[in-house]
Every structure is written in C-alpha cells, then in structure tokens.
Amino acid sequence: MNATAAPEAVDAATHTPFGAAPVARFVDDRVAHWAATRPDAECLTYLGRTWTWREWDDRVRRAAGGLQALGIGRGDVVAFLDKNHPACVEISLGAGSLGAANAIINWRLAGDEIDYAVNDSGARVLVVGTELVPAIERIRDRLTQVETIIEVTPDGAEGDAYEAFLAAATPVGRSADVEPDDVCLVMYSSGTTGRPKGVMLTHTNMVEHTVCSHEGLTLDADDKMMVAMPLFHVGGSSYVLLGMHDGVASVMTREPDGASLAGAILNGANRTFLVPAVLAQVLQAGPDAVRLFGALKTYTYGASPMPLPLLRAAMEAWPDTDFVQVYGLTEVAGVATHLMPEDHRDPDHPERLVSAGRPIPGVEVRIVDPGTLEDLPVGEHGEIWLRSKQVMKGFLGKPEETAQVLVDGGWFRTGDMGKVDDGGYVFVEDRLKDMIISGGENIYSPEIERVLAEHPAVMEVAIIGVPDDRWGESVKAVVALKPDTSATEDELIAWCREHLAHYKCPKSVDVLDLLPRNPTGKILKRELRAPYWEGRERSVN
C-alpha cells in the first residue's frame, strides 16, 4: 500500500501573520528576517526575561562568534545539557550557522549515560546548566574530547559564564561554506541495542518540518507559542521553530509543571504542544485549572498514547479548543502525520479518534510486510515506512544501523506496525522494536534488560510496557530468578536506579519461574503484554 501525501509543500510564507517572508533554507533564516523587519517586537519570554527579535538575533550571532573563537566550524559538534533554556536554542542556531551541530543531551540521564552521549557525539564544547554541573564534575575525566565547558544559570544571574561568553563574543554571520544538508542537530534516541543513537538532523530536515507541520495551523499576530516540551526531545526543538518561522512570540517554560504552564498562559501563551500526561494533570487539578487552560486556541498532543476517556473528557472540558494529535519520530524531525481538529469532533467517524491522522504535506506513507518487504493493501497490518525531506541524514557514527532503517528510494523504516484505512488515516497499532513510550519519553527494553541482567539473582528478564492512565505506558520488568536466590521488587527497582535515569526504571516487577519462549528460544513479549492490554481500545500511539 502506497499512500502519497498532499503535493510537496512549499515555504509557509502565507502562514505568517506579518506578510510574506523569504524562503527559509537554514534554521536561523527567519530569525534574521524578523530582526530586520520587526526588530523591537517581542520574540521570546523565559523566567521573567523577554527578548526582542533584534536582541535574540544578536545573541544567536554572538553564540556563533563565541563558538567560532573556540575553534568550532563546519562538521564539529557542541553539546548542551540543561533543562529548557533559551541558550539551548541559541547554541543550536549559532552552531548551525557555522555548519556545526548541537547535540542536546537529556538532562534526566544518569551519569554514565551522559558520559556515553557526550563522548559519542564528539562534542568539543559543552554548555551545562548550573544544576547539572555536579553530575559533569563527577565524570569530567571521562569526557576526553570536551575542550571547553560553559556553565549557564537559569536566570542569567551575575557571574553567569554563558552570559559572559556571549558578551565577550564578536557577532558573526553564517559561514560561506555552510550547506542546507549540513547537520545542525543531534538528538539522542535510545536504540534497540541498548545504547543511545545520535539522530543527525539537517537544516533541510528541520526547515521542511517547520513548513509542513504548519498545515492547519494559521497563527495570528497576537498569538504566543508555549514551548514547554523538553528541548532534548524533538517535540521541543522542532516546536520552538514554529513561532520563530512566523515571527510570533514564544513563552518558554523551564519544565512542564503546572505552575509554569499556568504562568505561560497568564503571560498570553495560547498555542501549545504537550504530552497527554500533562492534560490528565490539568483535568485533575480542579475547575480553576480547567478554566485557565480553556484559553488555549490549540492543544497539540502526541509522543505517547492518549487514553480515549481522557481525550473525550478534555474535548468536553474545552469545547472551543482545537485538538491536534501528532505522530512522528526523532528520525523524521518530529511530526509525520496529524489528526486535525475537525477529525476530533467528526460524529460520522468516531473510530478515527484512535488513528494518528493523515500524512502532513511532503510525507509519503507505505505499509509494508516486514518479512517480504512487499506493499500491503488498504486495511492490512504491516510496518509503517515514511519518505520525506524530513528524514534524518542517519545515525551518528553508525552506518550499519543507518542502513537498516534507510532503504532504497529514500524510505525510512519506522519499526512501527499499523495500517492505513480507505480515507488515508494511519493507525499505529504495535511496534517491531521494543520501545515503551511513557510520558513522551522513548524507553527501549534492551537498555533496561542489559542492566537488570547484571543483578546477581536474575536469570532472565523481559521489559514490557503496560497501560498507565497517567503516562500512557509504564515500564514493567518480568524476571525469572536463579535457583536458590531471592530478590524483592524494591531491590530490583533500586538496582536499576543506580545505573539508569529514574524514568527508565521499572515501576513494577513480576517474578515467574520461567519466561515464555517460542521454539527458537525468543522470549514471547507479546504473550507477557497480552493480559495487561486486553480490552483496551488502543495499545500504542
């Protein structure tokens, strides 16, 4: 089955509420444009600080100049480790204008995971938030390629090394040798081998995503984008570019907690993208919170399953809010399909609420038999393949793994299983790869299994995702213990927490005498998952 999307997208100049703008080829193009045409208009607000377009562009240019003075140029990598901070975007845009890339590291990782990601990226410069400095100090001797570490505070307080770095820098423009196909972002996505993979995203990938994901989103001059998704997540780093592309102001939160989100809305933010777990928290917070969030014009959600009862409750609570569901992957720079507001409230097709919608412009979808690699007809269940200018350049330093997912004709094998109906709606129903999505975080089973297998009492282990009404899925470990040994659930979870970020650790543990296996010896995870997902209207988003 080959479902071709709408005609290839063109630049979204018509979506700007301030008139036509030049065609963007690089991620920083539109920032420079708005700095020239709307220099004193509001660009970004963060923790009480606000920058105009002229000020923001100057900071980006100084970030580029400062990095250039440190010897960073085309093909180099810098890394950023902190909670949400405008400096992360400045480094991404500034490094990108030099032909370099920003590797954004998940600040929730454990020390040895940070060590691996920073070293794997080859970063020569590391910008790290004050709260994360102790973690870096503990592993500093292992970061052998990092030449310079720059500390950044949340509020730009006196003595902030990053602010001093910008102030001392000479602003520079884009280097003459930079090309749109140069990598500008490296986003780490855990791999099925148990180690994270650096997804290389180019200027073309990010600009194409920004343009194509605009479909159905017409911003007004007084709109403000709430940037609350973590910037280490592609949903954060791609979403922040939307407002900058259109010249619309953004409000960035440091974390997506209730108080921060409420503060952003009170500051005028009326468009947002968040994971379903946040929606659940708002509905549970009481009538005042529900009333406040009713100010949102658009609520885009994705990155983890949305339980249907929660979605229906949200649509009832906010009848005037447009809901948009998105499905995508880091490897395609973010969104690949979307379920539009009219589909959410379509009485003739309520079954499509469990779909991921239709491809955005410029994205093609195939449903392929993973065994024969032949296209399947409408309604048949197979692997979802995508083709678009958004598809990544590859996995950093991993050509063999890249070749497994980027195949002839420019197609990307997602590893997700699903179908397409006769209306072109994509239903994502299962996964080939052992990935669990909890609260918007991608968690890969082999990574946790590798750690638990080292416990002295564990004979064999399988990690599965089970339903969670708050987080979409939660991590469960199913283990068999060695003869004459014992281990409690708390002990096994504590063991994981010594070696992994807490969000990856099992929330529960089942102990069996033996794990079920097929005739070739492979553990039957589907059989382990089945009792927990029985009767559910959807199992994966």
Protein backbone atom coordinates (compact mmCIF):
# COMPACT_ATOMS: atom_id res chain seq x y z
CA MET A 1 0.00 0.00 0.00
CA ASN A 2 1.48 3.36 -1.00
CA ALA A 3 -0.37 6.37 0.33
CA THR A 4 1.09 9.55 -1.13
CA ALA A 5 0.59 12.71 0.88
CA ALA A 6 -0.62 16.06 -0.35
CA PRO A 7 1.56 17.75 -3.00
CA GLU A 8 5.06 18.62 -1.86
CA ALA A 9 4.96 21.55 0.49
CA VAL A 10 6.35 24.95 -0.38
CA ASP A 11 7.62 27.55 2.04
CA ALA A 12 4.95 28.63 4.50
CA ALA A 13 5.20 32.36 3.81
CA THR A 14 1.41 32.62 3.62
CA HIS A 15 1.19 31.39 7.19
CA THR A 16 3.00 34.42 8.59
CA PRO A 17 0.63 36.98 10.06
CA PHE A 18 3.09 39.75 9.10
CA GLY A 19 3.17 39.22 5.35
CA ALA A 20 5.39 37.21 3.07
CA ALA A 21 8.86 36.29 4.24
CA PRO A 22 11.84 34.91 2.33
CA VAL A 23 12.02 31.20 1.64
CA ALA A 24 13.93 29.64 4.52
CA ARG A 25 16.85 27.32 3.77
CA PHE A 26 18.59 27.38 7.15
CA VAL A 27 17.17 27.15 10.68
CA ASP A 28 18.23 30.71 11.54
CA ASP A 29 16.97 32.40 8.34
CA ARG A 30 13.67 33.63 9.71
CA VAL A 31 15.20 34.94 12.96
CA ALA A 32 17.42 37.23 10.89
CA HIS A 33 14.41 38.27 8.79
CA TRP A 34 12.28 39.25 11.76
CA ALA A 35 15.22 41.04 13.37
CA ALA A 36 15.43 43.18 10.24
CA THR A 37 11.69 43.76 9.73
CA ARG A 38 10.27 43.66 13.29
CA PRO A 39 13.34 44.45 15.43
CA ASP A 40 11.52 45.73 18.52
CA ALA A 41 8.68 43.20 18.59
CA GLU A 42 8.62 40.51 21.28
CA CYS A 43 10.40 37.30 20.35
CA LEU A 44 10.81 35.16 23.48
CA THR A 45 9.98 35.27 27.18
CA TYR A 46 11.62 32.99 29.75
CA LEU A 47 11.58 33.18 33.56
CA GLY A 48 10.71 36.86 33.57
CA ARG A 49 13.20 37.88 30.86
CA THR A 50 11.98 38.97 27.43
CA TRP A 51 14.00 39.50 24.25
CA THR A 52 13.04 41.30 21.05
CA TRP A 53 13.84 39.88 17.63
CA ARG A 54 16.84 42.20 17.32
CA GLU A 55 18.14 41.16 20.74
CA TRP A 56 17.55 37.49 20.03
CA ASP A 57 19.29 37.63 16.67
CA ASP A 58 22.24 39.39 18.28
CA ARG A 59 22.51 36.63 20.89
CA VAL A 60 22.45 33.96 18.17
CA ARG A 61 25.13 35.79 16.21
CA ARG A 62 27.26 36.15 19.36
CA ALA A 63 26.80 32.46 20.15
CA ALA A 64 28.14 31.73 16.66
CA GLY A 65 31.03 34.12 17.14
CA GLY A 66 31.91 32.71 20.53
CA LEU A 67 31.87 29.15 19.24
CA GLN A 68 33.94 30.15 16.21
CA ALA A 69 36.52 31.71 18.53
CA LEU A 70 36.74 28.34 20.31
CA GLY A 71 37.60 26.71 17.00
CA ILE A 72 34.16 25.34 16.18
CA GLY A 73 33.43 25.11 12.47
CA ARG A 74 31.72 23.05 9.82
CA GLY A 75 31.32 19.41 10.82
CA ASP A 76 32.02 19.99 14.52
CA VAL A 77 29.65 19.23 17.39
CA VAL A 78 28.85 21.09 20.60
CA ALA A 79 26.63 19.69 23.34
CA PHE A 80 24.01 21.20 25.63
CA LEU A 81 22.91 19.74 28.98
CA ASP A 82 20.26 21.54 30.98
CA LYS A 83 16.53 21.84 31.46
CA ASN A 84 14.73 24.07 28.97
CA HIS A 85 16.71 27.25 28.44
CA PRO A 86 16.88 29.79 25.58
CA ALA A 87 20.63 29.21 25.49
CA CYS A 88 19.95 25.76 24.03
CA VAL A 89 18.16 27.29 21.04
CA GLU A 90 20.81 30.00 20.68
CA ILE A 91 23.54 27.37 20.57
CA SER A 92 21.57 25.29 18.06
CA LEU A 93 21.06 28.27 15.73
CA GLY A 94 24.53 29.69 16.27
CA ALA A 95 26.33 26.38 15.78
CA GLY A 96 24.13 25.65 12.77
CA SER A 97 25.18 28.89 11.10
CA LEU A 98 28.79 27.67 11.35
CA GLY A 99 27.93 24.32 9.82
CA ALA A 100 28.24 22.67 13.24
CA ALA A 101 25.62 20.75 15.21
CA ASN A 102 24.23 20.95 18.72
CA ALA A 103 23.87 17.59 20.47
CA ILE A 104 21.12 18.16 23.03
CA ILE A 105 21.55 15.72 25.90
CA ASN A 106 18.66 14.52 28.05
CA TRP A 107 19.31 16.10 31.44
CA ARG A 108 17.42 13.26 33.14
CA LEU A 109 20.05 10.68 32.21
CA ALA A 110 22.29 9.03 34.77
CA GLY A 111 25.98 9.92 34.86
CA ASP A 112 27.29 7.03 32.78
CA GLU A 113 24.55 7.67 30.20
CA ILE A 114 25.58 11.34 29.94
CA ASP A 115 29.18 10.20 29.61
CA TYR A 116 28.28 7.95 26.70
CA ALA A 117 26.16 10.51 24.82
CA VAL A 118 28.62 13.40 25.14
CA ASN A 119 31.56 11.23 24.07
CA ASP A 120 29.61 9.57 21.28
CA SER A 121 28.65 12.97 19.87
CA GLY A 122 32.29 14.04 19.70
CA ALA A 123 31.37 17.37 21.31
CA ARG A 124 34.31 19.72 21.84
CA VAL A 125 32.29 22.32 23.75
CA LEU A 126 29.73 21.54 26.45
CA VAL A 127 27.22 24.08 27.76
CA VAL A 128 25.84 22.81 31.06
CA GLY A 129 23.22 24.16 33.45
CA THR A 130 24.21 25.04 37.00
CA GLU A 131 22.02 22.27 38.43
CA LEU A 132 23.83 19.67 36.30
CA VAL A 133 27.39 20.85 36.99
CA PRO A 134 27.92 18.37 39.88
CA ALA A 135 26.99 15.47 37.57
CA ILE A 136 29.54 16.67 34.99
CA GLU A 137 32.24 17.17 37.64
CA ARG A 138 31.89 13.51 38.62
CA ILE A 139 32.56 12.32 35.07
CA ARG A 140 34.78 15.15 33.80
CA ASP A 141 37.83 12.90 33.45
CA ARG A 142 35.86 10.64 31.11
CA LEU A 143 34.83 13.45 28.75
CA THR A 144 38.09 13.24 26.88
CA GLN A 145 37.01 15.17 23.76
CA VAL A 146 35.44 18.11 25.59
CA GLU A 147 37.82 21.07 25.49
CA THR A 148 35.60 23.77 27.00
CA ILE A 149 32.73 23.70 29.50
CA ILE A 150 30.48 26.75 29.83
CA GLU A 151 28.09 27.00 32.78
CA VAL A 152 24.70 28.62 32.31
CA THR A 153 22.36 29.68 35.13
CA PRO A 154 18.56 29.54 34.83
CA ASP A 155 18.07 33.28 35.24
CA GLY A 156 21.23 34.82 33.79
CA ALA A 157 22.32 35.98 37.22
CA GLU A 158 25.52 37.92 37.81
CA GLY A 159 28.52 35.70 37.20
CA ASP A 160 26.72 33.58 34.59
CA ALA A 161 29.56 32.19 32.46
CA TYR A 162 27.37 31.76 29.41
CA GLU A 163 26.23 35.39 29.51
CA ALA A 164 29.88 36.43 29.83
CA PHE A 165 30.70 34.18 26.86
CA LEU A 166 28.10 35.99 24.74
CA ALA A 167 29.11 39.44 25.93
CA ALA A 168 32.75 38.85 25.01
CA ALA A 169 31.98 37.36 21.61
CA THR A 170 32.11 39.16 18.27
CA PRO A 171 28.87 38.57 16.33
CA VAL A 172 29.37 36.64 13.08
CA GLY A 173 27.06 35.73 10.23
CA ARG A 174 26.64 32.40 8.53
CA SER A 175 29.84 30.83 7.26
CA ALA A 176 30.08 30.84 3.46
CA ASP A 177 30.67 27.10 3.21
CA VAL A 178 27.53 26.02 5.11
CA GLU A 179 25.02 23.96 3.12
CA PRO A 180 21.35 23.11 3.87
CA ASP A 181 22.32 19.42 4.05
CA ASP A 182 24.73 20.07 6.92
CA VAL A 183 23.74 18.52 10.26
CA CYS A 184 22.52 21.15 12.74
CA LEU A 185 21.04 18.96 15.49
CA VAL A 186 21.95 15.64 17.05
CA MET A 187 19.10 14.23 19.09
CA TYR A 188 19.81 11.12 21.15
CA SER A 189 17.24 8.36 20.82
CA SER A 190 17.79 5.14 22.72
CA GLY A 191 18.44 2.19 20.45
CA THR A 192 17.35 -1.42 20.39
CA THR A 193 20.94 -2.46 21.06
CA GLY A 194 20.69 -0.87 24.49
CA ARG A 195 22.82 2.20 23.69
CA PRO A 196 21.53 5.60 22.55
CA LYS A 197 21.89 6.58 18.90
CA GLY A 198 22.59 10.12 17.74
CA VAL A 199 19.99 11.09 15.14
CA MET A 200 21.56 13.56 12.69
CA LEU A 201 19.08 16.21 11.55
CA THR A 202 19.98 18.74 8.88
CA HIS A 203 18.86 22.29 8.18
CA THR A 204 16.70 20.90 5.38
CA ASN A 205 15.12 18.36 7.74
CA MET A 206 14.19 21.00 10.31
CA VAL A 207 13.03 23.68 7.86
CA GLU A 208 10.93 21.16 5.94
CA HIS A 209 9.32 20.01 9.18
CA THR A 210 8.61 23.57 10.24
CA VAL A 211 6.93 24.34 6.93
CA CYS A 212 4.99 21.09 6.51
CA SER A 213 3.74 20.79 10.09
CA HIS A 214 2.08 24.20 9.65
CA GLU A 215 -0.80 22.59 7.80
CA GLY A 216 -3.98 23.58 9.59
CA LEU A 217 -2.13 25.95 11.95
CA THR A 218 -2.75 29.58 10.97
CA LEU A 219 -1.19 31.84 13.56
CA ASP A 220 -2.47 35.32 14.37
CA ALA A 221 -0.33 38.35 15.12
CA ASP A 222 -1.24 38.31 18.83
CA ASP A 223 -0.66 34.58 19.30
CA LYS A 224 2.06 33.25 21.58
CA MET A 225 3.56 29.79 21.40
CA MET A 226 4.06 27.91 24.67
CA VAL A 227 7.34 26.00 24.40
CA ALA A 228 7.09 23.51 27.26
CA MET A 229 8.21 20.19 25.78
CA PRO A 230 11.82 19.36 26.69
CA LEU A 231 14.27 20.67 24.12
CA PHE A 232 16.19 17.38 24.27
CA HIS A 233 13.02 15.88 22.76
CA VAL A 234 12.43 16.51 19.06
CA GLY A 235 8.96 17.72 20.01
CA GLY A 236 10.55 20.62 21.88
CA SER A 237 13.34 21.52 19.48
CA SER A 238 11.07 21.36 16.43
CA TYR A 239 8.11 23.13 18.05
CA VAL A 240 10.20 26.12 19.13
CA LEU A 241 10.95 26.84 15.46
CA LEU A 242 7.27 27.37 14.55
CA GLY A 243 6.90 30.73 16.24
CA MET A 244 10.30 31.84 15.04
CA HIS A 245 9.38 30.91 11.48
CA ASP A 246 6.23 33.05 11.59
CA GLY A 247 7.53 35.95 13.66
CA VAL A 248 5.17 35.07 16.50
CA ALA A 249 6.30 35.44 20.11
CA SER A 250 7.03 32.40 22.28
CA VAL A 251 6.94 31.75 26.02
CA MET A 252 9.35 29.04 27.14
CA THR A 253 8.95 27.17 30.42
CA ARG A 254 11.87 25.57 32.19
CA GLU A 255 9.81 22.49 32.96
CA PRO A 256 6.25 21.45 32.00
CA ASP A 257 4.95 21.63 35.58
CA GLY A 258 1.52 23.02 36.40
CA ALA A 259 2.70 26.33 37.82
CA SER A 260 4.97 27.03 34.85
CA LEU A 261 2.29 26.17 32.31
CA ALA A 262 -0.26 28.32 34.11
CA GLY A 263 2.23 31.19 34.23
CA ALA A 264 2.82 30.90 30.48
CA ILE A 265 -0.91 31.03 29.75
CA LEU A 266 -1.31 34.06 32.02
CA ASN A 267 1.52 35.61 30.00
CA GLY A 268 -0.55 35.21 26.84
CA ALA A 269 0.53 31.79 25.52
CA ASN A 270 -2.40 30.27 23.63
CA ARG A 271 -0.86 27.54 21.45
CA THR A 272 0.96 24.54 22.85
CA PHE A 273 2.25 21.03 22.30
CA LEU A 274 2.33 18.70 25.29
CA VAL A 275 2.20 15.03 26.14
CA PRO A 276 -1.15 13.56 27.25
CA ALA A 277 0.09 13.10 30.82
CA VAL A 278 0.05 16.88 31.29
CA LEU A 279 -3.53 17.02 30.08
CA ALA A 280 -4.51 14.47 32.73
CA GLN A 281 -2.86 16.55 35.44
CA VAL A 282 -4.78 19.66 34.39
CA LEU A 283 -8.13 17.90 34.41
CA GLN A 284 -7.38 16.55 37.87
CA ALA A 285 -6.27 19.94 39.21
CA GLY A 286 -9.79 21.33 39.60
CA PRO A 287 -12.12 23.83 37.93
CA ASP A 288 -9.75 26.82 38.16
CA ALA A 289 -7.03 25.00 36.21
CA VAL A 290 -9.55 23.72 33.67
CA ARG A 291 -10.90 27.24 33.19
CA LEU A 292 -7.41 28.69 32.75
CA PHE A 293 -6.40 26.13 30.13
CA GLY A 294 -9.58 26.94 28.24
CA ALA A 295 -7.69 29.98 26.94
CA LEU A 296 -5.69 27.73 24.62
CA LYS A 297 -6.67 28.01 20.96
CA THR A 298 -4.75 24.89 20.03
CA TYR A 299 -3.73 21.89 22.11
CA THR A 300 -1.43 19.63 20.13
CA TYR A 301 -0.61 16.33 21.77
CA GLY A 302 1.48 13.31 20.98
CA ALA A 303 4.68 11.45 21.85
CA SER A 304 2.75 8.94 23.99
CA PRO A 305 -0.66 7.22 23.95
CA MET A 306 -3.74 9.28 24.77
CA PRO A 307 -6.36 7.15 26.56
CA LEU A 308 -9.72 7.72 24.88
CA PRO A 309 -11.58 8.54 28.13
CA LEU A 310 -9.02 11.27 28.81
CA LEU A 311 -9.32 12.67 25.29
CA ARG A 312 -13.12 12.73 25.44
CA ALA A 313 -13.03 14.43 28.84
CA ALA A 314 -10.64 17.07 27.51
CA MET A 315 -12.77 17.82 24.45
CA GLU A 316 -15.81 18.18 26.68
CA ALA A 317 -13.94 20.44 29.11
CA TRP A 318 -12.61 22.69 26.33
CA PRO A 319 -15.23 22.78 23.56
CA ASP A 320 -13.63 25.84 21.93
CA THR A 321 -10.09 24.43 21.83
CA ASP A 322 -8.77 22.83 18.66
CA PHE A 323 -7.18 19.47 19.42
CA VAL A 324 -4.48 18.13 17.12
CA GLN A 325 -2.86 14.73 17.56
CA VAL A 326 0.56 14.14 16.01
CA TYR A 327 2.54 11.00 15.27
CA GLY A 328 6.19 11.15 14.38
CA LEU A 329 9.70 10.17 15.29
CA THR A 330 13.01 11.82 16.01
CA GLU A 331 14.28 10.33 12.75
CA VAL A 332 11.81 12.45 10.75
CA ALA A 333 12.45 15.66 12.70
CA GLY A 334 9.12 15.39 14.52
CA VAL A 335 5.64 15.17 13.02
CA ALA A 336 4.82 12.83 10.13
CA THR A 337 1.02 12.56 10.45
CA HIS A 338 -1.63 14.55 12.25
CA LEU A 339 -5.25 14.19 13.26
CA MET A 340 -6.84 17.59 12.73
CA PRO A 341 -9.42 19.42 14.91
CA GLU A 342 -12.33 18.61 12.61
CA ASP A 343 -11.45 14.91 12.81
CA HIS A 344 -11.59 15.02 16.59
CA ARG A 345 -15.19 16.20 16.55
CA ASP A 346 -16.41 14.31 13.48
CA PRO A 347 -19.61 12.45 14.52
CA ASP A 348 -19.55 10.34 11.35
CA HIS A 349 -16.13 8.81 12.03
CA PRO A 350 -15.60 8.41 15.79
CA GLU A 351 -13.30 5.44 15.07
CA ARG A 352 -10.69 7.85 13.72
CA LEU A 353 -10.06 9.23 17.19
CA VAL A 354 -7.75 6.25 17.69
CA SER A 355 -5.90 6.96 14.45
CA ALA A 356 -2.81 9.10 14.02
CA GLY A 357 -4.47 11.11 11.27
CA ARG A 358 -3.18 11.62 7.76
CA PRO A 359 0.31 12.45 6.49
CA ILE A 360 1.35 16.08 6.62
CA PRO A 361 2.33 17.69 3.29
CA GLY A 362 5.51 16.29 1.81
CA VAL A 363 5.27 12.98 3.68
CA GLU A 364 4.53 9.68 1.94
CA VAL A 365 3.46 6.52 3.79
CA ARG A 366 3.77 2.87 2.84
CA ILE A 367 2.51 -0.15 4.74
CA VAL A 368 4.96 -2.99 4.10
CA ASP A 369 5.11 -6.66 5.01
CA PRO A 370 8.25 -6.73 7.21
CA GLY A 371 9.08 -10.24 6.02
CA THR A 372 8.60 -9.97 2.25
CA LEU A 373 9.08 -6.17 2.02
CA GLU A 374 6.05 -6.06 -0.29
CA ASP A 375 3.41 -3.34 -0.10
CA LEU A 376 0.19 -4.36 1.62
CA PRO A 377 -3.35 -3.34 0.58
CA VAL A 378 -5.54 -0.83 2.38
CA GLY A 379 -6.54 -2.06 5.83
CA GLU A 380 -3.76 -4.66 6.11
CA HIS A 381 -1.42 -4.58 9.09
CA GLY A 382 2.30 -4.09 8.37
CA GLU A 383 5.35 -1.93 9.04
CA ILE A 384 4.99 1.82 8.52
CA TRP A 385 7.53 3.30 6.10
CA LEU A 386 7.92 7.04 5.57
CA ARG A 387 9.53 9.17 2.86
CA SER A 388 10.08 12.90 3.14
CA LYS A 389 12.71 15.62 3.09
CA GLN A 390 12.33 15.44 6.88
CA VAL A 391 14.02 12.03 7.07
CA MET A 392 17.29 12.18 9.02
CA LYS A 393 20.73 12.06 7.45
CA GLY A 394 21.47 8.97 9.55
CA PHE A 395 22.69 7.79 12.93
CA LEU A 396 25.91 9.48 14.02
CA GLY A 397 28.86 7.13 13.57
CA LYS A 398 26.61 4.12 12.96
CA PRO A 399 26.46 3.41 9.21
CA GLU A 400 25.33 -0.19 9.65
CA GLU A 401 22.38 0.75 11.84
CA THR A 402 21.56 3.60 9.46
CA ALA A 403 21.48 1.16 6.55
CA GLN A 404 18.96 -1.00 8.40
CA VAL A 405 16.36 1.79 8.51
CA LEU A 406 17.16 3.99 5.49
CA VAL A 407 16.43 1.86 2.44
CA ASP A 408 16.37 2.24 -1.33
CA GLY A 409 14.24 5.05 -2.68
CA GLY A 410 14.68 7.26 0.37
CA TRP A 411 12.29 5.31 2.58
CA PHE A 412 12.63 5.20 6.36
CA ARG A 413 11.56 2.04 8.17
CA THR A 414 9.90 3.26 11.37
CA GLY A 415 9.72 -0.08 13.14
CA ASP A 416 6.11 0.79 14.00
CA MET A 417 3.31 -1.50 12.87
CA GLY A 418 -0.05 -0.27 11.65
CA LYS A 419 -2.43 0.18 8.75
CA VAL A 420 -4.00 2.87 6.58
CA ASP A 421 -7.75 3.00 6.03
CA ASP A 422 -9.57 3.93 2.84
CA GLY A 423 -9.57 7.58 3.86
CA GLY A 424 -5.79 7.71 4.20
CA TYR A 425 -5.83 7.71 8.01
CA VAL A 426 -2.87 6.00 9.62
CA PHE A 427 -3.47 3.67 12.57
CA VAL A 428 -0.35 2.90 14.64
CA GLU A 429 -1.05 -0.35 16.43
CA ASP A 430 2.14 -2.02 17.58
CA ARG A 431 5.93 -1.83 17.40
CA LEU A 432 8.54 -4.03 15.85
CA LYS A 433 11.15 -2.52 18.10
CA ASP A 434 10.89 -2.98 21.83
CA MET A 435 10.10 0.61 22.71
CA ILE A 436 7.91 1.89 25.51
CA ILE A 437 6.57 5.45 25.41
CA SER A 438 5.95 6.80 28.89
CA GLY A 439 5.02 10.44 29.36
CA GLY A 440 6.56 11.30 26.00
CA GLU A 441 9.88 9.59 26.73
CA ASN A 442 11.06 6.81 24.42
CA ILE A 443 12.31 3.91 26.54
CA TYR A 444 13.92 0.87 24.95
CA SER A 445 13.61 -2.50 26.64
CA PRO A 446 17.14 -3.81 25.85
CA GLU A 447 18.69 -0.85 27.66
CA ILE A 448 16.93 -1.81 30.91
CA GLU A 449 17.33 -5.54 30.32
CA ARG A 450 21.09 -5.06 29.98
CA VAL A 451 21.18 -3.50 33.46
CA LEU A 452 18.82 -5.97 35.19
CA ALA A 453 20.64 -8.95 33.72
CA GLU A 454 23.68 -7.92 35.77
CA HIS A 455 21.80 -8.37 39.06
CA PRO A 456 23.23 -11.46 40.79
CA ALA A 457 19.81 -13.02 41.36
CA VAL A 458 18.36 -12.51 37.85
CA MET A 459 18.44 -15.46 35.47
CA GLU A 460 16.43 -13.89 32.63
CA VAL A 461 14.44 -10.71 32.16
CA ALA A 462 11.96 -9.13 29.80
CA ILE A 463 10.90 -5.48 29.91
CA ILE A 464 7.42 -4.64 28.65
CA GLY A 465 5.13 -1.62 28.56
CA VAL A 466 1.82 -1.86 30.38
CA PRO A 467 -1.11 0.59 30.38
CA ASP A 468 -0.86 3.64 32.59
CA ASP A 469 -3.78 6.06 32.73
CA ARG A 470 -1.46 8.97 33.53
CA TRP A 471 1.67 8.27 31.47
CA GLY A 472 0.21 6.20 28.63
CA GLU A 473 2.55 3.32 29.39
CA SER A 474 4.74 2.39 32.32
CA VAL A 475 7.72 0.07 32.49
CA LYS A 476 7.26 -3.41 33.93
CA ALA A 477 10.01 -5.97 34.44
CA VAL A 478 9.21 -9.67 34.22
CA VAL A 479 12.04 -11.76 35.64
CA ALA A 480 12.96 -15.32 36.46
CA LEU A 481 15.43 -15.72 39.30
CA LYS A 482 18.38 -18.06 39.55
CA PRO A 483 17.90 -21.16 41.73
CA ASP A 484 18.44 -20.61 45.45
CA THR A 485 18.42 -16.82 45.12
CA SER A 486 15.91 -14.16 46.05
CA ALA A 487 15.26 -10.53 45.19
CA THR A 488 12.34 -8.30 46.05
CA GLU A 489 10.59 -5.90 43.71
CA ASP A 490 12.07 -2.93 45.59
CA GLU A 491 15.58 -4.37 45.36
CA LEU A 492 15.37 -4.86 41.60
CA ILE A 493 13.96 -1.39 41.01
CA ALA A 494 16.67 0.13 43.25
CA TRP A 495 19.31 -1.76 41.25
CA CYS A 496 18.04 -0.14 38.06
CA ARG A 497 18.03 3.30 39.63
CA GLU A 498 21.73 3.00 40.39
CA HIS A 499 22.50 2.71 36.68
CA LEU A 500 19.66 4.35 34.75
CA ALA A 501 17.63 7.53 34.71
CA HIS A 502 14.64 7.04 37.01
CA TYR A 503 12.06 7.42 34.24
CA LYS A 504 13.52 4.34 32.53
CA CYS A 505 13.34 2.16 35.63
CA PRO A 506 10.54 -0.38 36.15
CA LYS A 507 7.56 0.78 38.15
CA SER A 508 6.68 -2.83 38.92
CA VAL A 509 8.22 -6.29 38.74
CA ASP A 510 6.64 -9.70 38.18
CA VAL A 511 8.59 -12.84 39.10
CA LEU A 512 7.92 -16.02 37.11
CA ASP A 513 9.50 -19.44 37.26
CA LEU A 514 10.33 -19.27 33.55
CA LEU A 515 9.64 -16.73 30.82
CA PRO A 516 7.58 -17.92 27.83
CA ARG A 517 9.62 -18.57 24.67
CA ASN A 518 8.95 -19.56 21.09
CA PRO A 519 10.55 -22.68 19.53
CA THR A 520 13.68 -20.71 18.60
CA GLY A 521 14.13 -19.54 22.18
CA LYS A 522 12.98 -15.94 21.79
CA ILE A 523 11.05 -14.55 24.76
CA LEU A 524 7.38 -14.02 23.83
CA LYS A 525 6.86 -10.45 24.95
CA ARG A 526 3.50 -10.25 23.20
CA GLU A 527 2.30 -13.07 25.46
CA LEU A 528 3.60 -11.24 28.52
CA ARG A 529 1.89 -8.00 27.47
CA ALA A 530 -1.43 -9.51 26.44
CA PRO A 531 -3.14 -9.74 29.87
CA TYR A 532 -2.44 -6.08 30.61
CA TRP A 533 -3.68 -4.72 27.27
CA GLU A 534 -6.73 -6.97 26.95
CA GLY A 535 -9.90 -4.97 26.34
CA ARG A 536 -8.05 -1.71 25.68
CA GLU A 537 -9.32 0.40 22.78
CA ARG A 538 -5.77 1.23 21.76
CA SER A 539 -2.38 -0.11 22.72
CA VAL A 540 0.03 2.38 21.21
CA ASN A 541 0.04 5.86 19.73
